[in-house]
Amino acid sequence: MIYKELYAEIGKLLYAVADVDGVITKQEKEKLQDIVKKELAPAEKHVDQEGTDVAFYTEFEFDFEDEQIAETETAFNSFIDFVEDHHTTFTEKMKNACLHMVEELATAYRGTNKKEKALIKTLRNNLKGIETKKEKHEIGK
């Protein structure tokens, strides 16, 4: 798996959650930074050619999407497409970590709102669907 791309896609996913209601708050940006520094970076051993921990690509991509005023749906679908393309290596642990991160980010500002809940539900359903595809793939081996 391409780790820089994985973390960039996680950045897109987190951007989609933060922006689904049309506003990215200071609290959400701070929570994103907290997730990267306390959860992703300590667990990641890969670095890029400049020696930067690739987990920080999550934050880089989030900021890029925010600066470009990217569409929430496009960012979300990019993450889902990435997971589908890498379904054989995207483990249950990785899926759970992604769900945990989006839930943490969604609660950062006044709890999880209806739009965030709907997006999280869609994510959960998509990840389950990918699990089904993976199981079908393994059965066919």
C-alpha atoms as a PDB file:
ATOM      1  CA  MET A   1       0.000   0.000   0.000  1.00  0.00           C
ATOM      2  CA  ILE A   2       1.168   3.516  -0.749  1.00  0.00           C
ATOM      3  CA  TYR A   3       1.258   5.139   2.686  1.00  0.00           C
ATOM      4  CA  LYS A   4       1.461   8.771   1.558  1.00  0.00           C
ATOM      5  CA  GLU A   5      -1.619   8.214  -0.563  1.00  0.00           C
ATOM      6  CA  LEU A   6      -3.407   6.437   2.303  1.00  0.00           C
ATOM      7  CA  TYR A   7      -2.868   9.354   4.664  1.00  0.00           C
ATOM      8  CA  ALA A   8      -3.828  11.891   2.001  1.00  0.00           C
ATOM      9  CA  GLU A   9      -7.080   9.983   1.484  1.00  0.00           C
ATOM     10  CA  ILE A  10      -7.721   9.941   5.233  1.00  0.00           C
ATOM     11  CA  GLY A  11      -7.230  13.716   5.102  1.00  0.00           C
ATOM     12  CA  LYS A  12      -9.932  13.904   2.430  1.00  0.00           C
ATOM     13  CA  LEU A  13     -12.249  11.775   4.547  1.00  0.00           C
ATOM     14  CA  LEU A  14     -11.739  13.954   7.606  1.00  0.00           C
ATOM     15  CA  TYR A  15     -12.213  17.073   5.491  1.00  0.00           C
ATOM     16  CA  ALA A  16     -15.536  15.674   4.252  1.00  0.00           C
ATOM     17  CA  VAL A  17     -16.713  15.099   7.821  1.00  0.00           C
ATOM     18  CA  ALA A  18     -15.635  18.547   8.990  1.00  0.00           C
ATOM     19  CA  ASP A  19     -17.122  20.323   5.962  1.00  0.00           C
ATOM     20  CA  VAL A  20     -20.353  18.340   5.527  1.00  0.00           C
ATOM     21  CA  ASP A  21     -22.285  21.066   7.367  1.00  0.00           C
ATOM     22  CA  GLY A  22     -20.642  23.810   5.300  1.00  0.00           C
ATOM     23  CA  VAL A  23     -18.376  25.161   8.056  1.00  0.00           C
ATOM     24  CA  ILE A  24     -15.012  23.977   9.330  1.00  0.00           C
ATOM     25  CA  THR A  25     -14.513  25.287  12.843  1.00  0.00           C
ATOM     26  CA  LYS A  26     -11.332  26.069  14.736  1.00  0.00           C
ATOM     27  CA  GLN A  27     -12.207  23.212  17.100  1.00  0.00           C
ATOM     28  CA  GLU A  28     -12.401  20.753  14.217  1.00  0.00           C
ATOM     29  CA  LYS A  29      -9.016  21.856  12.874  1.00  0.00           C
ATOM     30  CA  GLU A  30      -7.518  21.525  16.344  1.00  0.00           C
ATOM     31  CA  LYS A  31      -9.041  18.052  16.735  1.00  0.00           C
ATOM     32  CA  LEU A  32      -7.589  17.033  13.361  1.00  0.00           C
ATOM     33  CA  GLN A  33      -4.135  18.154  14.482  1.00  0.00           C
ATOM     34  CA  ASP A  34      -4.618  16.282  17.748  1.00  0.00           C
ATOM     35  CA  ILE A  35      -5.605  13.071  15.921  1.00  0.00           C
ATOM     36  CA  VAL A  36      -2.569  13.289  13.640  1.00  0.00           C
ATOM     37  CA  LYS A  37      -0.084  14.080  16.416  1.00  0.00           C
ATOM     38  CA  LYS A  38      -1.406  11.722  19.090  1.00  0.00           C
ATOM     39  CA  GLU A  39      -2.853   8.810  17.127  1.00  0.00           C
ATOM     40  CA  LEU A  40      -1.501   8.597  13.582  1.00  0.00           C
ATOM     41  CA  ALA A  41       2.085   9.850  13.796  1.00  0.00           C
ATOM     42  CA  PRO A  42       3.175   7.740  16.795  1.00  0.00           C
ATOM     43  CA  ALA A  43       1.915   4.564  15.096  1.00  0.00           C
ATOM     44  CA  GLU A  44       3.465   5.274  11.679  1.00  0.00           C
ATOM     45  CA  LYS A  45       7.030   4.269  10.835  1.00  0.00           C
ATOM     46  CA  HIS A  46       7.136   5.394   7.189  1.00  0.00           C
ATOM     47  CA  VAL A  47       8.650   8.721   6.144  1.00  0.00           C
ATOM     48  CA  ASP A  48       8.823  10.529   2.829  1.00  0.00           C
ATOM     49  CA  GLN A  49      12.021  11.459   0.984  1.00  0.00           C
ATOM     50  CA  GLU A  50      12.425  14.572   3.173  1.00  0.00           C
ATOM     51  CA  GLY A  51      12.080  12.551   6.375  1.00  0.00           C
ATOM     52  CA  THR A  52       8.548  13.737   7.178  1.00  0.00           C
ATOM     53  CA  ASP A  53       6.337  11.207   8.937  1.00  0.00           C
ATOM     54  CA  VAL A  54       3.787  10.291   6.256  1.00  0.00           C
ATOM     55  CA  ALA A  55       0.949  10.486   8.819  1.00  0.00           C
ATOM     56  CA  PHE A  56       1.203  14.280   8.466  1.00  0.00           C
ATOM     57  CA  TYR A  57      -0.062  13.935   4.901  1.00  0.00           C
ATOM     58  CA  THR A  58      -3.489  13.650   6.551  1.00  0.00           C
ATOM     59  CA  GLU A  59      -3.211  17.211   7.782  1.00  0.00           C
ATOM     60  CA  PHE A  60      -1.565  18.457   4.576  1.00  0.00           C
ATOM     61  CA  GLU A  61      -4.413  17.069   2.453  1.00  0.00           C
ATOM     62  CA  PHE A  62      -7.108  18.355   4.824  1.00  0.00           C
ATOM     63  CA  ASP A  63      -5.639  21.867   4.565  1.00  0.00           C
ATOM     64  CA  PHE A  64      -5.324  21.585   0.777  1.00  0.00           C
ATOM     65  CA  GLU A  65      -8.962  20.513   0.420  1.00  0.00           C
ATOM     66  CA  ASP A  66     -10.011  23.379   2.701  1.00  0.00           C
ATOM     67  CA  GLU A  67      -7.987  25.947   0.724  1.00  0.00           C
ATOM     68  CA  GLN A  68      -9.450  24.672  -2.550  1.00  0.00           C
ATOM     69  CA  ILE A  69     -12.969  24.691  -1.052  1.00  0.00           C
ATOM     70  CA  ALA A  70     -13.348  21.140  -2.288  1.00  0.00           C
ATOM     71  CA  GLU A  71     -16.742  19.518  -2.510  1.00  0.00           C
ATOM     72  CA  THR A  72     -17.507  17.285   0.444  1.00  0.00           C
ATOM     73  CA  GLU A  73     -18.939  14.524  -1.718  1.00  0.00           C
ATOM     74  CA  THR A  74     -15.903  14.489  -4.001  1.00  0.00           C
ATOM     75  CA  ALA A  75     -13.495  14.229  -1.056  1.00  0.00           C
ATOM     76  CA  PHE A  76     -15.580  11.479   0.562  1.00  0.00           C
ATOM     77  CA  ASN A  77     -15.891   9.495  -2.673  1.00  0.00           C
ATOM     78  CA  SER A  78     -12.148   9.755  -3.263  1.00  0.00           C
ATOM     79  CA  PHE A  79     -11.551   8.020   0.068  1.00  0.00           C
ATOM     80  CA  ILE A  80     -14.131   5.309  -0.676  1.00  0.00           C
ATOM     81  CA  ASP A  81     -12.620   4.716  -4.130  1.00  0.00           C
ATOM     82  CA  PHE A  82      -9.174   4.384  -2.557  1.00  0.00           C
ATOM     83  CA  VAL A  83     -10.417   1.807  -0.060  1.00  0.00           C
ATOM     84  CA  GLU A  84     -12.184  -0.139  -2.804  1.00  0.00           C
ATOM     85  CA  ASP A  85      -9.040  -0.100  -4.944  1.00  0.00           C
ATOM     86  CA  HIS A  86      -6.983  -1.411  -2.000  1.00  0.00           C
ATOM     87  CA  HIS A  87      -9.624  -3.613  -0.385  1.00  0.00           C
ATOM     88  CA  THR A  88      -7.314  -6.600  -0.106  1.00  0.00           C
ATOM     89  CA  THR A  89      -4.888  -4.675   2.120  1.00  0.00           C
ATOM     90  CA  PHE A  90      -7.339  -2.388   3.928  1.00  0.00           C
ATOM     91  CA  THR A  91      -7.739  -4.313   7.173  1.00  0.00           C
ATOM     92  CA  GLU A  92     -10.568  -4.344   9.687  1.00  0.00           C
ATOM     93  CA  LYS A  93      -8.255  -2.495  12.084  1.00  0.00           C
ATOM     94  CA  MET A  94      -7.764   0.263   9.493  1.00  0.00           C
ATOM     95  CA  LYS A  95     -11.514   0.534   8.931  1.00  0.00           C
ATOM     96  CA  ASN A  96     -12.135   0.805  12.656  1.00  0.00           C
ATOM     97  CA  ALA A  97      -9.423   3.436  12.995  1.00  0.00           C
ATOM     98  CA  CYS A  98     -11.038   5.509  10.224  1.00  0.00           C
ATOM     99  CA  LEU A  99     -14.444   5.252  11.880  1.00  0.00           C
ATOM    100  CA  HIS A 100     -12.921   6.249  15.208  1.00  0.00           C
ATOM    101  CA  MET A 101     -11.234   9.301  13.669  1.00  0.00           C
ATOM    102  CA  VAL A 102     -14.365  10.559  11.927  1.00  0.00           C
ATOM    103  CA  GLU A 103     -16.415  10.103  15.085  1.00  0.00           C
ATOM    104  CA  GLU A 104     -13.801  11.998  17.122  1.00  0.00           C
ATOM    105  CA  LEU A 105     -13.694  14.819  14.605  1.00  0.00           C
ATOM    106  CA  ALA A 106     -17.484  15.020  14.358  1.00  0.00           C
ATOM    107  CA  THR A 107     -17.811  15.539  18.111  1.00  0.00           C
ATOM    108  CA  ALA A 108     -15.161  18.290  18.210  1.00  0.00           C
ATOM    109  CA  TYR A 109     -17.660  21.132  17.883  1.00  0.00           C
ATOM    110  CA  ARG A 110     -20.946  20.879  19.763  1.00  0.00           C
ATOM    111  CA  GLY A 111     -21.284  17.139  19.268  1.00  0.00           C
ATOM    112  CA  THR A 112     -22.209  15.268  16.120  1.00  0.00           C
ATOM    113  CA  ASN A 113     -24.878  16.964  14.003  1.00  0.00           C
ATOM    114  CA  LYS A 114     -27.375  15.319  11.624  1.00  0.00           C
ATOM    115  CA  LYS A 115     -25.260  15.783   8.505  1.00  0.00           C
ATOM    116  CA  GLU A 116     -22.181  14.362  10.209  1.00  0.00           C
ATOM    117  CA  LYS A 117     -24.183  11.395  11.529  1.00  0.00           C
ATOM    118  CA  ALA A 118     -25.502  10.715   8.028  1.00  0.00           C
ATOM    119  CA  LEU A 119     -21.997  10.839   6.537  1.00  0.00           C
ATOM    120  CA  ILE A 120     -20.644   8.519   9.241  1.00  0.00           C
ATOM    121  CA  LYS A 121     -23.497   6.089   8.591  1.00  0.00           C
ATOM    122  CA  THR A 122     -22.725   6.180   4.858  1.00  0.00           C
ATOM    123  CA  LEU A 123     -19.043   5.556   5.603  1.00  0.00           C
ATOM    124  CA  ARG A 124     -19.873   2.624   7.877  1.00  0.00           C
ATOM    125  CA  ASN A 125     -22.161   1.106   5.212  1.00  0.00           C
ATOM    126  CA  ASN A 126     -19.550   1.582   2.489  1.00  0.00           C
ATOM    127  CA  LEU A 127     -16.846  -0.046   4.605  1.00  0.00           C
ATOM    128  CA  LYS A 128     -19.156  -2.995   5.306  1.00  0.00           C
ATOM    129  CA  GLY A 129     -19.831  -3.288   1.564  1.00  0.00           C
ATOM    130  CA  ILE A 130     -16.125  -3.350   0.882  1.00  0.00           C
ATOM    131  CA  GLU A 131     -15.754  -6.073   3.497  1.00  0.00           C
ATOM    132  CA  THR A 132     -18.343  -8.113   1.623  1.00  0.00           C
ATOM    133  CA  LYS A 133     -16.425  -7.634  -1.639  1.00  0.00           C
ATOM    134  CA  LYS A 134     -13.217  -8.725   0.070  1.00  0.00           C
ATOM    135  CA  GLU A 135     -14.884 -11.860   1.440  1.00  0.00           C
ATOM    136  CA  LYS A 136     -16.256 -12.667  -2.012  1.00  0.00           C
ATOM    137  CA  HIS A 137     -12.776 -12.158  -3.460  1.00  0.00           C
ATOM    138  CA  GLU A 138     -11.247 -14.550  -0.923  1.00  0.00           C
ATOM    139  CA  ILE A 139     -13.914 -17.194  -1.523  1.00  0.00           C
ATOM    140  CA  GLY A 140     -13.173 -17.084  -5.234  1.00  0.00           C
ATOM    141  CA  LYS A 141      -9.459 -17.849  -4.722  1.00  0.00           C
END
